[in-house]
Amino acid sequence: MILICFFILTADGVAQYEEDRERFNYKDYVRSPVDQYRPIYAGFLAAMFPGLGHVYCNERARGVKVFKRFAGSFLVSATGLVLVLASESVNLGYGFMLGGAFLMVGNQIWSIVDASRVAKVKNMAIRSRPRVGL
């Protein structure tokens, strides 16, 4: 519940990834010790909680969208469970449960992959910016 409140309250993140994705390809990424975001860490956080890897990469609005998709698929599965337990429409209930479960697993996998790609692209964008110093 605390994480959900955190997502909602911090949903004003700068969505720089969409612009950076057009300039940089995540496949060209080479790890550097000075990288600000670790792709493996972003993927791990996304595996623990959908959208958390995106929040780590400062893409809060994108993280909230990922979490909303996951929550929606969970609600579809829960609706199926309620239908099965109420014995109203068992076949439809099993369909909802199975469909919601597939959506949850698919969203979880997509969240992990996307969070690591976001971290890679954002690192490449940070490296390309001119550094100003004294």
C-alpha atoms as a PDB file:
ATOM      1  CA  MET A   1       0.000   0.000   0.000  1.00  0.00           C
ATOM      2  CA  ILE A   2       2.881   2.337   0.773  1.00  0.00           C
ATOM      3  CA  LEU A   3       4.422   1.672  -2.652  1.00  0.00           C
ATOM      4  CA  ILE A   4       1.120   2.436  -4.367  1.00  0.00           C
ATOM      5  CA  CYS A   5       0.919   5.779  -2.563  1.00  0.00           C
ATOM      6  CA  PHE A   6       4.548   6.441  -3.515  1.00  0.00           C
ATOM      7  CA  PHE A   7       3.754   5.807  -7.186  1.00  0.00           C
ATOM      8  CA  ILE A   8       0.749   8.084  -7.147  1.00  0.00           C
ATOM      9  CA  LEU A   9       2.502  10.917  -5.338  1.00  0.00           C
ATOM     10  CA  THR A  10       5.605  10.802  -7.516  1.00  0.00           C
ATOM     11  CA  ALA A  11       3.937  10.468 -10.921  1.00  0.00           C
ATOM     12  CA  ASP A  12       5.296  13.778 -12.188  1.00  0.00           C
ATOM     13  CA  GLY A  13       8.602  12.386 -13.447  1.00  0.00           C
ATOM     14  CA  VAL A  14      10.276  13.744 -16.544  1.00  0.00           C
ATOM     15  CA  ALA A  15       9.475  11.457 -19.455  1.00  0.00           C
ATOM     16  CA  GLN A  16      12.753  11.929 -21.263  1.00  0.00           C
ATOM     17  CA  TYR A  17      12.946   8.290 -22.373  1.00  0.00           C
ATOM     18  CA  GLU A  18      10.592   8.716 -25.338  1.00  0.00           C
ATOM     19  CA  GLU A  19      12.861  11.377 -26.856  1.00  0.00           C
ATOM     20  CA  ASP A  20      16.077   9.546 -26.009  1.00  0.00           C
ATOM     21  CA  ARG A  21      14.796   6.286 -27.493  1.00  0.00           C
ATOM     22  CA  GLU A  22      14.629   7.863 -30.931  1.00  0.00           C
ATOM     23  CA  ARG A  23      18.281   8.923 -30.748  1.00  0.00           C
ATOM     24  CA  PHE A  24      19.801   5.882 -29.040  1.00  0.00           C
ATOM     25  CA  ASN A  25      19.421   2.151 -29.584  1.00  0.00           C
ATOM     26  CA  TYR A  26      19.600   0.022 -26.445  1.00  0.00           C
ATOM     27  CA  LYS A  27      21.434  -2.665 -28.453  1.00  0.00           C
ATOM     28  CA  ASP A  28      24.434  -0.322 -28.793  1.00  0.00           C
ATOM     29  CA  TYR A  29      24.801  -0.022 -25.018  1.00  0.00           C
ATOM     30  CA  VAL A  30      28.173  -0.827 -23.478  1.00  0.00           C
ATOM     31  CA  ARG A  31      28.406  -0.772 -19.703  1.00  0.00           C
ATOM     32  CA  SER A  32      30.525   1.940 -18.153  1.00  0.00           C
ATOM     33  CA  PRO A  33      31.550   2.247 -14.502  1.00  0.00           C
ATOM     34  CA  VAL A  34      30.209   5.805 -14.399  1.00  0.00           C
ATOM     35  CA  ASP A  35      26.674   4.880 -15.480  1.00  0.00           C
ATOM     36  CA  GLN A  36      23.976   6.447 -13.352  1.00  0.00           C
ATOM     37  CA  TYR A  37      21.486   3.572 -13.764  1.00  0.00           C
ATOM     38  CA  ARG A  38      22.254  -0.148 -13.642  1.00  0.00           C
ATOM     39  CA  PRO A  39      20.111  -2.142 -16.122  1.00  0.00           C
ATOM     40  CA  ILE A  40      20.322  -5.321 -14.037  1.00  0.00           C
ATOM     41  CA  TYR A  41      19.225  -3.463 -10.926  1.00  0.00           C
ATOM     42  CA  ALA A  42      16.323  -1.854 -12.823  1.00  0.00           C
ATOM     43  CA  GLY A  43      15.234  -5.276 -14.080  1.00  0.00           C
ATOM     44  CA  PHE A  44      15.507  -6.769 -10.598  1.00  0.00           C
ATOM     45  CA  LEU A  45      13.368  -4.006  -9.118  1.00  0.00           C
ATOM     46  CA  ALA A  46      10.794  -4.492 -11.885  1.00  0.00           C
ATOM     47  CA  ALA A  47      10.731  -8.206 -11.088  1.00  0.00           C
ATOM     48  CA  MET A  48      10.042  -7.475  -7.425  1.00  0.00           C
ATOM     49  CA  PHE A  49       7.273  -4.949  -8.121  1.00  0.00           C
ATOM     50  CA  PRO A  50       6.039  -3.953 -11.598  1.00  0.00           C
ATOM     51  CA  GLY A  51       6.953  -0.348 -12.376  1.00  0.00           C
ATOM     52  CA  LEU A  52       9.553   0.022  -9.634  1.00  0.00           C
ATOM     53  CA  GLY A  53      12.418  -0.372 -12.116  1.00  0.00           C
ATOM     54  CA  HIS A  54      11.039   2.537 -14.122  1.00  0.00           C
ATOM     55  CA  VAL A  55      10.787   4.684 -10.990  1.00  0.00           C
ATOM     56  CA  TYR A  56      14.427   3.842 -10.276  1.00  0.00           C
ATOM     57  CA  CYS A  57      15.304   5.184 -13.752  1.00  0.00           C
ATOM     58  CA  ASN A  58      13.387   8.400 -13.014  1.00  0.00           C
ATOM     59  CA  GLU A  59      10.561   7.480 -15.391  1.00  0.00           C
ATOM     60  CA  ARG A  60       7.826   7.671 -12.769  1.00  0.00           C
ATOM     61  CA  ALA A  61       4.866   8.205 -15.097  1.00  0.00           C
ATOM     62  CA  ARG A  62       5.930   5.177 -17.138  1.00  0.00           C
ATOM     63  CA  GLY A  63       6.244   3.154 -13.930  1.00  0.00           C
ATOM     64  CA  VAL A  64       2.740   4.113 -12.865  1.00  0.00           C
ATOM     65  CA  LYS A  65       1.394   3.000 -16.260  1.00  0.00           C
ATOM     66  CA  VAL A  66       3.147  -0.362 -15.913  1.00  0.00           C
ATOM     67  CA  PHE A  67       1.726  -0.813 -12.429  1.00  0.00           C
ATOM     68  CA  LYS A  68      -1.779   0.109 -13.615  1.00  0.00           C
ATOM     69  CA  ARG A  69      -1.601  -2.554 -16.339  1.00  0.00           C
ATOM     70  CA  PHE A  70      -0.476  -5.118 -13.788  1.00  0.00           C
ATOM     71  CA  ALA A  71      -3.230  -4.114 -11.348  1.00  0.00           C
ATOM     72  CA  GLY A  72      -5.820  -4.316 -14.121  1.00  0.00           C
ATOM     73  CA  SER A  73      -4.786  -7.827 -15.063  1.00  0.00           C
ATOM     74  CA  PHE A  74      -4.883  -8.780 -11.383  1.00  0.00           C
ATOM     75  CA  LEU A  75      -8.445  -7.456 -11.161  1.00  0.00           C
ATOM     76  CA  VAL A  76      -9.445  -9.529 -14.193  1.00  0.00           C
ATOM     77  CA  SER A  77      -8.050 -12.631 -12.514  1.00  0.00           C
ATOM     78  CA  ALA A  78      -9.715 -11.765  -9.193  1.00  0.00           C
ATOM     79  CA  THR A  79     -13.036 -11.272 -10.966  1.00  0.00           C
ATOM     80  CA  GLY A  80     -12.710 -14.774 -12.358  1.00  0.00           C
ATOM     81  CA  LEU A  81     -12.009 -16.126  -8.893  1.00  0.00           C
ATOM     82  CA  VAL A  82     -15.141 -14.429  -7.549  1.00  0.00           C
ATOM     83  CA  LEU A  83     -17.210 -15.902 -10.388  1.00  0.00           C
ATOM     84  CA  VAL A  84     -15.867 -19.393  -9.679  1.00  0.00           C
ATOM     85  CA  LEU A  85     -16.430 -19.139  -5.924  1.00  0.00           C
ATOM     86  CA  ALA A  86     -19.947 -17.779  -6.416  1.00  0.00           C
ATOM     87  CA  SER A  87     -20.646 -20.718  -8.749  1.00  0.00           C
ATOM     88  CA  GLU A  88     -22.480 -18.391 -11.096  1.00  0.00           C
ATOM     89  CA  SER A  89     -20.494 -18.962 -14.255  1.00  0.00           C
ATOM     90  CA  VAL A  90     -17.675 -21.399 -13.629  1.00  0.00           C
ATOM     91  CA  ASN A  91     -16.434 -21.632 -17.218  1.00  0.00           C
ATOM     92  CA  LEU A  92     -16.390 -17.862 -17.631  1.00  0.00           C
ATOM     93  CA  GLY A  93     -14.702 -17.521 -14.235  1.00  0.00           C
ATOM     94  CA  TYR A  94     -11.920 -19.925 -15.188  1.00  0.00           C
ATOM     95  CA  GLY A  95     -11.482 -18.027 -18.437  1.00  0.00           C
ATOM     96  CA  PHE A  96     -11.111 -14.749 -16.581  1.00  0.00           C
ATOM     97  CA  MET A  97      -8.691 -16.309 -14.080  1.00  0.00           C
ATOM     98  CA  LEU A  98      -6.537 -17.835 -16.803  1.00  0.00           C
ATOM     99  CA  GLY A  99      -6.631 -14.729 -18.990  1.00  0.00           C
ATOM    100  CA  GLY A 100      -5.758 -12.471 -16.060  1.00  0.00           C
ATOM    101  CA  ALA A 101      -2.896 -14.762 -15.052  1.00  0.00           C
ATOM    102  CA  PHE A 102      -1.453 -14.711 -18.569  1.00  0.00           C
ATOM    103  CA  LEU A 103      -1.756 -10.929 -18.662  1.00  0.00           C
ATOM    104  CA  MET A 104      -0.017 -10.614 -15.282  1.00  0.00           C
ATOM    105  CA  VAL A 105       2.880 -12.853 -16.321  1.00  0.00           C
ATOM    106  CA  GLY A 106       3.218 -11.122 -19.693  1.00  0.00           C
ATOM    107  CA  ASN A 107       3.164  -7.693 -18.092  1.00  0.00           C
ATOM    108  CA  GLN A 108       5.732  -8.765 -15.506  1.00  0.00           C
ATOM    109  CA  ILE A 109       8.132 -10.023 -18.180  1.00  0.00           C
ATOM    110  CA  TRP A 110       7.601  -6.902 -20.298  1.00  0.00           C
ATOM    111  CA  SER A 111       8.214  -4.702 -17.238  1.00  0.00           C
ATOM    112  CA  ILE A 112      11.552  -6.384 -16.525  1.00  0.00           C
ATOM    113  CA  VAL A 113      12.756  -6.113 -20.120  1.00  0.00           C
ATOM    114  CA  ASP A 114      11.513  -2.551 -20.563  1.00  0.00           C
ATOM    115  CA  ALA A 115      13.046  -1.303 -17.297  1.00  0.00           C
ATOM    116  CA  SER A 116      16.476  -2.582 -18.313  1.00  0.00           C
ATOM    117  CA  ARG A 117      16.106  -1.006 -21.775  1.00  0.00           C
ATOM    118  CA  VAL A 118      15.089   2.311 -20.220  1.00  0.00           C
ATOM    119  CA  ALA A 119      18.184   2.218 -18.000  1.00  0.00           C
ATOM    120  CA  LYS A 120      20.438   1.530 -20.983  1.00  0.00           C
ATOM    121  CA  VAL A 121      18.998   4.307 -23.141  1.00  0.00           C
ATOM    122  CA  LYS A 122      19.050   6.819 -20.295  1.00  0.00           C
ATOM    123  CA  ASN A 123      22.706   6.006 -19.559  1.00  0.00           C
ATOM    124  CA  MET A 124      23.601   6.544 -23.204  1.00  0.00           C
ATOM    125  CA  ALA A 125      21.734   9.856 -23.219  1.00  0.00           C
ATOM    126  CA  ILE A 126      23.507  11.034 -20.066  1.00  0.00           C
ATOM    127  CA  ARG A 127      26.891  10.184 -21.570  1.00  0.00           C
ATOM    128  CA  SER A 128      26.131  12.178 -24.732  1.00  0.00           C
ATOM    129  CA  ARG A 129      25.248  15.384 -22.908  1.00  0.00           C
ATOM    130  CA  PRO A 130      28.002  17.978 -22.767  1.00  0.00           C
ATOM    131  CA  ARG A 131      29.667  18.214 -19.388  1.00  0.00           C
ATOM    132  CA  VAL A 132      30.093  21.643 -17.971  1.00  0.00           C
ATOM    133  CA  GLY A 133      32.594  22.193 -15.216  1.00  0.00           C
ATOM    134  CA  LEU A 134      35.099  24.607 -13.833  1.00  0.00           C
END
